[in-house]
Amino acid sequence: MIPFTRAVILCLLLTTVTVFIMGVARIHMFILSVLSAGMWFALGLFQKEFSKVMNRDEEEEKKIPANKKAPAVSAAKRED
């Protein structure tokens, strides 16, 4: 999902920069270009932090001994 989102944001950024260079609604295209670049940057930060959290969770789960983990409950035994 993230690579697709990055591609869409890149297309948006290229479109707004191109229209800015062509001279159509320059101030609006400049602002949209800055916003697009900000989304690209923010998505990169999110992806990096998400990867850190996921790796940390995997490391913590490896440290927990098997007898300390919560027992798995099948859907048939659950009483909701």
PDB file of N, CA and C in Angstrom:
ATOM      1  N   MET A   1       0.823  -1.188   0.000  1.00  0.00           N
ATOM      2  CA  MET A   1       0.000   0.000   0.000  1.00  0.00           C
ATOM      3  C   MET A   1       0.876   1.264   0.000  1.00  0.00           C
ATOM      4  N   ILE A   2       1.941   1.223   0.778  1.00  0.00           N
ATOM      5  CA  ILE A   2       2.797   2.409   0.867  1.00  0.00           C
ATOM      6  C   ILE A   2       3.487   2.716  -0.462  1.00  0.00           C
ATOM      7  N   PRO A   3       4.012   1.730  -1.200  1.00  0.00           N
ATOM      8  CA  PRO A   3       4.611   2.078  -2.495  1.00  0.00           C
ATOM      9  C   PRO A   3       3.611   2.705  -3.466  1.00  0.00           C
ATOM     10  N   PHE A   4       2.374   2.217  -3.452  1.00  0.00           N
ATOM     11  CA  PHE A   4       1.347   2.806  -4.309  1.00  0.00           C
ATOM     12  C   PHE A   4       1.077   4.257  -3.899  1.00  0.00           C
ATOM     13  N   THR A   5       0.975   4.501  -2.603  1.00  0.00           N
ATOM     14  CA  THR A   5       0.735   5.851  -2.101  1.00  0.00           C
ATOM     15  C   THR A   5       1.895   6.763  -2.464  1.00  0.00           C
ATOM     16  N   ARG A   6       3.120   6.261  -2.348  1.00  0.00           N
ATOM     17  CA  ARG A   6       4.287   7.052  -2.730  1.00  0.00           C
ATOM     18  C   ARG A   6       4.237   7.405  -4.215  1.00  0.00           C
ATOM     19  N   ALA A   7       3.820   6.459  -5.058  1.00  0.00           N
ATOM     20  CA  ALA A   7       3.731   6.715  -6.498  1.00  0.00           C
ATOM     21  C   ALA A   7       2.684   7.786  -6.801  1.00  0.00           C
ATOM     22  N   VAL A   8       1.554   7.715  -6.134  1.00  0.00           N
ATOM     23  CA  VAL A   8       0.496   8.710  -6.351  1.00  0.00           C
ATOM     24  C   VAL A   8       0.958  10.095  -5.907  1.00  0.00           C
ATOM     25  N   ILE A   9       1.628  10.168  -4.759  1.00  0.00           N
ATOM     26  CA  ILE A   9       2.128  11.458  -4.282  1.00  0.00           C
ATOM     27  C   ILE A   9       3.193  11.997  -5.231  1.00  0.00           C
ATOM     28  N   LEU A  10       4.045  11.118  -5.763  1.00  0.00           N
ATOM     29  CA  LEU A  10       5.056  11.553  -6.724  1.00  0.00           C
ATOM     30  C   LEU A  10       4.400  12.110  -7.984  1.00  0.00           C
ATOM     31  N   CYS A  11       3.358  11.452  -8.480  1.00  0.00           N
ATOM     32  CA  CYS A  11       2.632  11.969  -9.651  1.00  0.00           C
ATOM     33  C   CYS A  11       2.009  13.332  -9.352  1.00  0.00           C
ATOM     34  N   LEU A  12       1.435  13.473  -8.180  1.00  0.00           N
ATOM     35  CA  LEU A  12       0.855  14.751  -7.779  1.00  0.00           C
ATOM     36  C   LEU A  12       1.927  15.838  -7.724  1.00  0.00           C
ATOM     37  N   LEU A  13       3.063  15.506  -7.149  1.00  0.00           N
ATOM     38  CA  LEU A  13       4.161  16.472  -7.044  1.00  0.00           C
ATOM     39  C   LEU A  13       4.665  16.872  -8.430  1.00  0.00           C
ATOM     40  N   LEU A  14       4.870  15.899  -9.298  1.00  0.00           N
ATOM     41  CA  LEU A  14       5.338  16.219 -10.650  1.00  0.00           C
ATOM     42  C   LEU A  14       4.332  17.064 -11.422  1.00  0.00           C
ATOM     43  N   THR A  15       3.061  16.756 -11.253  1.00  0.00           N
ATOM     44  CA  THR A  15       2.027  17.527 -11.935  1.00  0.00           C
ATOM     45  C   THR A  15       1.990  18.967 -11.442  1.00  0.00           C
ATOM     46  N   THR A  16       2.024  19.164 -10.146  1.00  0.00           N
ATOM     47  CA  THR A  16       1.944  20.525  -9.607  1.00  0.00           C
ATOM     48  C   THR A  16       3.196  21.333  -9.943  1.00  0.00           C
ATOM     49  N   VAL A  17       4.364  20.689  -9.931  1.00  0.00           N
ATOM     50  CA  VAL A  17       5.597  21.409 -10.296  1.00  0.00           C
ATOM     51  C   VAL A  17       5.571  21.778 -11.780  1.00  0.00           C
ATOM     52  N   THR A  18       5.115  20.869 -12.619  1.00  0.00           N
ATOM     53  CA  THR A  18       5.037  21.147 -14.059  1.00  0.00           C
ATOM     54  C   THR A  18       4.086  22.295 -14.345  1.00  0.00           C
ATOM     55  N   VAL A  19       2.926  22.277 -13.726  1.00  0.00           N
ATOM     56  CA  VAL A  19       1.950  23.355 -13.947  1.00  0.00           C
ATOM     57  C   VAL A  19       2.486  24.666 -13.375  1.00  0.00           C
ATOM     58  N   PHE A  20       3.220  24.612 -12.274  1.00  0.00           N
ATOM     59  CA  PHE A  20       3.847  25.818 -11.716  1.00  0.00           C
ATOM     60  C   PHE A  20       4.840  26.404 -12.710  1.00  0.00           C
ATOM     61  N   ILE A  21       5.660  25.542 -13.318  1.00  0.00           N
ATOM     62  CA  ILE A  21       6.652  26.019 -14.288  1.00  0.00           C
ATOM     63  C   ILE A  21       5.977  26.593 -15.527  1.00  0.00           C
ATOM     64  N   MET A  22       4.850  26.007 -15.928  1.00  0.00           N
ATOM     65  CA  MET A  22       4.116  26.510 -17.091  1.00  0.00           C
ATOM     66  C   MET A  22       3.468  27.864 -16.814  1.00  0.00           C
ATOM     67  N   GLY A  23       3.317  28.229 -15.551  1.00  0.00           N
ATOM     68  CA  GLY A  23       2.801  29.548 -15.215  1.00  0.00           C
ATOM     69  C   GLY A  23       1.310  29.605 -14.963  1.00  0.00           C
ATOM     70  N   VAL A  24       0.666  28.481 -14.767  1.00  0.00           N
ATOM     71  CA  VAL A  24      -0.777  28.465 -14.512  1.00  0.00           C
ATOM     72  C   VAL A  24      -0.998  28.474 -13.005  1.00  0.00           C
ATOM     73  N   ALA A  25      -1.688  29.478 -12.509  1.00  0.00           N
ATOM     74  CA  ALA A  25      -2.020  29.607 -11.082  1.00  0.00           C
ATOM     75  C   ALA A  25      -0.777  29.349 -10.230  1.00  0.00           C
ATOM     76  N   ARG A  26       0.249  30.159 -10.472  1.00  0.00           N
ATOM     77  CA  ARG A  26       1.558  29.906  -9.866  1.00  0.00           C
ATOM     78  C   ARG A  26       1.535  29.772  -8.356  1.00  0.00           C
ATOM     79  N   ILE A  27       0.909  30.668  -7.647  1.00  0.00           N
ATOM     80  CA  ILE A  27       0.946  30.607  -6.178  1.00  0.00           C
ATOM     81  C   ILE A  27       0.240  29.349  -5.678  1.00  0.00           C
ATOM     82  N   HIS A  28      -0.862  28.980  -6.305  1.00  0.00           N
ATOM     83  CA  HIS A  28      -1.593  27.783  -5.893  1.00  0.00           C
ATOM     84  C   HIS A  28      -0.770  26.517  -6.153  1.00  0.00           C
ATOM     85  N   MET A  29      -0.140  26.470  -7.301  1.00  0.00           N
ATOM     86  CA  MET A  29       0.675  25.291  -7.631  1.00  0.00           C
ATOM     87  C   MET A  29       1.910  25.212  -6.744  1.00  0.00           C
ATOM     88  N   PHE A  30       2.467  26.358  -6.385  1.00  0.00           N
ATOM     89  CA  PHE A  30       3.612  26.347  -5.472  1.00  0.00           C
ATOM     90  C   PHE A  30       3.195  25.770  -4.114  1.00  0.00           C
ATOM     91  N   ILE A  31       2.066  26.232  -3.607  1.00  0.00           N
ATOM     92  CA  ILE A  31       1.579  25.745  -2.312  1.00  0.00           C
ATOM     93  C   ILE A  31       1.259  24.249  -2.389  1.00  0.00           C
ATOM     94  N   LEU A  32       0.603  23.822  -3.459  1.00  0.00           N
ATOM     95  CA  LEU A  32       0.299  22.398  -3.615  1.00  0.00           C
ATOM     96  C   LEU A  32       1.573  21.567  -3.745  1.00  0.00           C
ATOM     97  N   SER A  33       2.595  22.116  -4.398  1.00  0.00           N
ATOM     98  CA  SER A  33       3.877  21.414  -4.513  1.00  0.00           C
ATOM     99  C   SER A  33       4.524  21.237  -3.151  1.00  0.00           C
ATOM    100  N   VAL A  34       4.481  22.281  -2.341  1.00  0.00           N
ATOM    101  CA  VAL A  34       5.048  22.196  -0.993  1.00  0.00           C
ATOM    102  C   VAL A  34       4.272  21.170  -0.161  1.00  0.00           C
ATOM    103  N   LEU A  35       2.958  21.185  -0.265  1.00  0.00           N
ATOM    104  CA  LEU A  35       2.141  20.220   0.472  1.00  0.00           C
ATOM    105  C   LEU A  35       2.417  18.784   0.007  1.00  0.00           C
ATOM    106  N   SER A  36       2.578  18.593  -1.290  1.00  0.00           N
ATOM    107  CA  SER A  36       2.881  17.262  -1.819  1.00  0.00           C
ATOM    108  C   SER A  36       4.240  16.773  -1.323  1.00  0.00           C
ATOM    109  N   ALA A  37       5.230  17.661  -1.339  1.00  0.00           N
ATOM    110  CA  ALA A  37       6.558  17.296  -0.838  1.00  0.00           C
ATOM    111  C   ALA A  37       6.485  16.965   0.651  1.00  0.00           C
ATOM    112  N   GLY A  38       5.664  17.699   1.394  1.00  0.00           N
ATOM    113  CA  GLY A  38       5.476  17.415   2.814  1.00  0.00           C
ATOM    114  C   GLY A  38       4.840  16.055   3.052  1.00  0.00           C
ATOM    115  N   MET A  39       3.866  15.688   2.227  1.00  0.00           N
ATOM    116  CA  MET A  39       3.251  14.359   2.355  1.00  0.00           C
ATOM    117  C   MET A  39       4.263  13.266   2.051  1.00  0.00           C
ATOM    118  N   TRP A  40       5.096  13.485   1.023  1.00  0.00           N
ATOM    119  CA  TRP A  40       6.137  12.511   0.666  1.00  0.00           C
ATOM    120  C   TRP A  40       7.092  12.315   1.846  1.00  0.00           C
ATOM    121  N   PHE A  41       7.522  13.419   2.437  1.00  0.00           N
ATOM    122  CA  PHE A  41       8.439  13.382   3.572  1.00  0.00           C
ATOM    123  C   PHE A  41       7.781  12.715   4.785  1.00  0.00           C
ATOM    124  N   ALA A  42       6.549  13.081   5.083  1.00  0.00           N
ATOM    125  CA  ALA A  42       5.842  12.522   6.235  1.00  0.00           C
ATOM    126  C   ALA A  42       5.613  11.020   6.065  1.00  0.00           C
ATOM    127  N   LEU A  43       5.313  10.580   4.864  1.00  0.00           N
ATOM    128  CA  LEU A  43       5.113   9.157   4.622  1.00  0.00           C
ATOM    129  C   LEU A  43       6.420   8.393   4.842  1.00  0.00           C
ATOM    130  N   GLY A  44       7.529   8.990   4.454  1.00  0.00           N
ATOM    131  CA  GLY A  44       8.829   8.365   4.697  1.00  0.00           C
ATOM    132  C   GLY A  44       9.119   8.236   6.180  1.00  0.00           C
ATOM    133  N   LEU A  45       8.811   9.285   6.957  1.00  0.00           N
ATOM    134  CA  LEU A  45       9.001   9.222   8.408  1.00  0.00           C
ATOM    135  C   LEU A  45       8.099   8.172   9.040  1.00  0.00           C
ATOM    136  N   PHE A  46       6.852   8.136   8.595  1.00  0.00           N
ATOM    137  CA  PHE A  46       5.915   7.139   9.119  1.00  0.00           C
ATOM    138  C   PHE A  46       6.412   5.729   8.847  1.00  0.00           C
ATOM    139  N   GLN A  47       6.866   5.489   7.620  1.00  0.00           N
ATOM    140  CA  GLN A  47       7.334   4.161   7.243  1.00  0.00           C
ATOM    141  C   GLN A  47       8.545   3.749   8.081  1.00  0.00           C
ATOM    142  N   LYS A  48       9.455   4.688   8.339  1.00  0.00           N
ATOM    143  CA  LYS A  48      10.635   4.384   9.136  1.00  0.00           C
ATOM    144  C   LYS A  48      10.261   4.070  10.584  1.00  0.00           C
ATOM    145  N   GLU A  49       9.388   4.868  11.174  1.00  0.00           N
ATOM    146  CA  GLU A  49       8.981   4.633  12.556  1.00  0.00           C
ATOM    147  C   GLU A  49       8.153   3.357  12.692  1.00  0.00           C
ATOM    148  N   PHE A  50       7.300   3.088  11.723  1.00  0.00           N
ATOM    149  CA  PHE A  50       6.499   1.865  11.737  1.00  0.00           C
ATOM    150  C   PHE A  50       7.401   0.637  11.692  1.00  0.00           C
ATOM    151  N   SER A  51       8.433   0.691  10.865  1.00  0.00           N
ATOM    152  CA  SER A  51       9.378  -0.423  10.776  1.00  0.00           C
ATOM    153  C   SER A  51      10.097  -0.634  12.105  1.00  0.00           C
ATOM    154  N   LYS A  52      10.477   0.473  12.768  1.00  0.00           N
ATOM    155  CA  LYS A  52      11.130   0.364  14.077  1.00  0.00           C
ATOM    156  C   LYS A  52      10.218  -0.330  15.085  1.00  0.00           C
ATOM    157  N   VAL A  53       8.968   0.082  15.138  1.00  0.00           N
ATOM    158  CA  VAL A  53       8.021  -0.485  16.100  1.00  0.00           C
ATOM    159  C   VAL A  53       7.778  -1.958  15.807  1.00  0.00           C
ATOM    160  N   MET A  54       7.619  -2.305  14.551  1.00  0.00           N
ATOM    161  CA  MET A  54       7.374  -3.702  14.200  1.00  0.00           C
ATOM    162  C   MET A  54       8.578  -4.570  14.544  1.00  0.00           C
ATOM    163  N   ASN A  55       9.783  -4.073  14.295  1.00  0.00           N
ATOM    164  CA  ASN A  55      10.986  -4.841  14.628  1.00  0.00           C
ATOM    165  C   ASN A  55      11.133  -4.989  16.134  1.00  0.00           C
ATOM    166  N   ARG A  56      10.805  -3.938  16.885  1.00  0.00           N
ATOM    167  CA  ARG A  56      10.891  -3.992  18.339  1.00  0.00           C
ATOM    168  C   ARG A  56       9.905  -5.008  18.901  1.00  0.00           C
ATOM    169  N   ASP A  57       8.677  -5.020  18.355  1.00  0.00           N
ATOM    170  CA  ASP A  57       7.668  -5.976  18.821  1.00  0.00           C
ATOM    171  C   ASP A  57       8.108  -7.412  18.551  1.00  0.00           C
ATOM    172  N   GLU A  58       8.721  -7.649  17.394  1.00  0.00           N
ATOM    173  CA  GLU A  58       9.182  -8.997  17.075  1.00  0.00           C
ATOM    174  C   GLU A  58      10.298  -9.423  18.029  1.00  0.00           C
ATOM    175  N   GLU A  59      11.204  -8.487  18.366  1.00  0.00           N
ATOM    176  CA  GLU A  59      12.294  -8.800  19.288  1.00  0.00           C
ATOM    177  C   GLU A  59      11.760  -9.095  20.688  1.00  0.00           C
ATOM    178  N   GLU A  60      10.777  -8.315  21.138  1.00  0.00           N
ATOM    179  CA  GLU A  60      10.200  -8.536  22.461  1.00  0.00           C
ATOM    180  C   GLU A  60       9.475  -9.881  22.520  1.00  0.00           C
ATOM    181  N   GLU A  61       8.821 -10.256  21.437  1.00  0.00           N
ATOM    182  CA  GLU A  61       8.097 -11.527  21.429  1.00  0.00           C
ATOM    183  C   GLU A  61       9.061 -12.706  21.462  1.00  0.00           C
ATOM    184  N   LYS A  62      10.238 -12.540  20.880  1.00  0.00           N
ATOM    185  CA  LYS A  62      11.240 -13.602  20.920  1.00  0.00           C
ATOM    186  C   LYS A  62      11.782 -13.799  22.333  1.00  0.00           C
ATOM    187  N   LYS A  63      11.796 -12.721  23.133  1.00  0.00           N
ATOM    188  CA  LYS A  63      12.332 -12.788  24.491  1.00  0.00           C
ATOM    189  C   LYS A  63      11.383 -13.473  25.468  1.00  0.00           C
ATOM    190  N   ILE A  64      10.075 -13.474  25.182  1.00  0.00           N
ATOM    191  CA  ILE A  64       9.091 -14.060  26.092  1.00  0.00           C
ATOM    192  C   ILE A  64       9.151 -15.581  25.979  1.00  0.00           C
ATOM    193  N   PRO A  65       9.361 -16.283  27.083  1.00  0.00           N
ATOM    194  CA  PRO A  65       9.393 -17.749  27.008  1.00  0.00           C
ATOM    195  C   PRO A  65       8.027 -18.306  26.597  1.00  0.00           C
ATOM    196  N   ALA A  66       8.037 -19.471  26.005  1.00  0.00           N
ATOM    197  CA  ALA A  66       6.807 -20.072  25.474  1.00  0.00           C
ATOM    198  C   ALA A  66       5.785 -20.337  26.576  1.00  0.00           C
ATOM    199  N   ASN A  67       6.250 -20.681  27.801  1.00  0.00           N
ATOM    200  CA  ASN A  67       5.293 -20.983  28.866  1.00  0.00           C
ATOM    201  C   ASN A  67       4.669 -19.722  29.463  1.00  0.00           C
ATOM    202  N   LYS A  68       5.205 -18.549  29.167  1.00  0.00           N
ATOM    203  CA  LYS A  68       4.659 -17.293  29.699  1.00  0.00           C
ATOM    204  C   LYS A  68       3.669 -16.639  28.734  1.00  0.00           C
ATOM    205  N   LYS A  69       3.618 -17.120  27.520  1.00  0.00           N
ATOM    206  CA  LYS A  69       2.706 -16.540  26.539  1.00  0.00           C
ATOM    207  C   LYS A  69       1.272 -16.926  26.859  1.00  0.00           C
ATOM    208  N   ALA A  70       0.351 -16.070  26.451  1.00  0.00           N
ATOM    209  CA  ALA A  70      -1.071 -16.360  26.659  1.00  0.00           C
ATOM    210  C   ALA A  70      -1.471 -17.554  25.812  1.00  0.00           C
ATOM    211  N   PRO A  71      -2.280 -18.438  26.366  1.00  0.00           N
ATOM    212  CA  PRO A  71      -2.694 -19.602  25.583  1.00  0.00           C
ATOM    213  C   PRO A  71      -3.601 -19.188  24.432  1.00  0.00           C
ATOM    214  N   ALA A  72      -3.462 -19.886  23.337  1.00  0.00           N
ATOM    215  CA  ALA A  72      -4.303 -19.611  22.181  1.00  0.00           C
ATOM    216  C   ALA A  72      -5.693 -20.183  22.428  1.00  0.00           C
ATOM    217  N   VAL A  73      -6.709 -19.391  22.129  1.00  0.00           N
ATOM    218  CA  VAL A  73      -8.082 -19.831  22.328  1.00  0.00           C
ATOM    219  C   VAL A  73      -8.723 -19.966  20.957  1.00  0.00           C
ATOM    220  N   SER A  74      -9.256 -21.132  20.685  1.00  0.00           N
ATOM    221  CA  SER A  74      -9.896 -21.319  19.394  1.00  0.00           C
ATOM    222  C   SER A  74     -11.256 -20.614  19.382  1.00  0.00           C
ATOM    223  N   ALA A  75     -11.734 -20.346  18.206  1.00  0.00           N
ATOM    224  CA  ALA A  75     -13.014 -19.654  18.071  1.00  0.00           C
ATOM    225  C   ALA A  75     -14.161 -20.500  18.609  1.00  0.00           C
ATOM    226  N   ALA A  76     -14.015 -21.828  18.576  1.00  0.00           N
ATOM    227  CA  ALA A  76     -15.087 -22.712  19.050  1.00  0.00           C
ATOM    228  C   ALA A  76     -15.240 -22.641  20.572  1.00  0.00           C
ATOM    229  N   LYS A  77     -14.161 -22.384  21.303  1.00  0.00           N
ATOM    230  CA  LYS A  77     -14.217 -22.367  22.757  1.00  0.00           C
ATOM    231  C   LYS A  77     -14.558 -21.003  23.338  1.00  0.00           C
ATOM    232  N   ARG A  78     -14.515 -19.962  22.524  1.00  0.00           N
ATOM    233  CA  ARG A  78     -14.814 -18.629  23.027  1.00  0.00           C
ATOM    234  C   ARG A  78     -16.274 -18.458  23.327  1.00  0.00           C
ATOM    235  N   GLU A  79     -16.555 -17.764  24.394  1.00  0.00           N
ATOM    236  CA  GLU A  79     -17.936 -17.447  24.735  1.00  0.00           C
ATOM    237  C   GLU A  79     -18.097 -15.942  24.740  1.00  0.00           C
ATOM    238  N   ASP A  80     -18.651 -15.427  23.673  1.00  0.00           N
ATOM    239  CA  ASP A  80     -18.832 -13.969  23.549  1.00  0.00           C
ATOM    240  C   ASP A  80     -20.199 -13.543  23.956  1.00  0.00           C
TER     241      ASP A  80
END
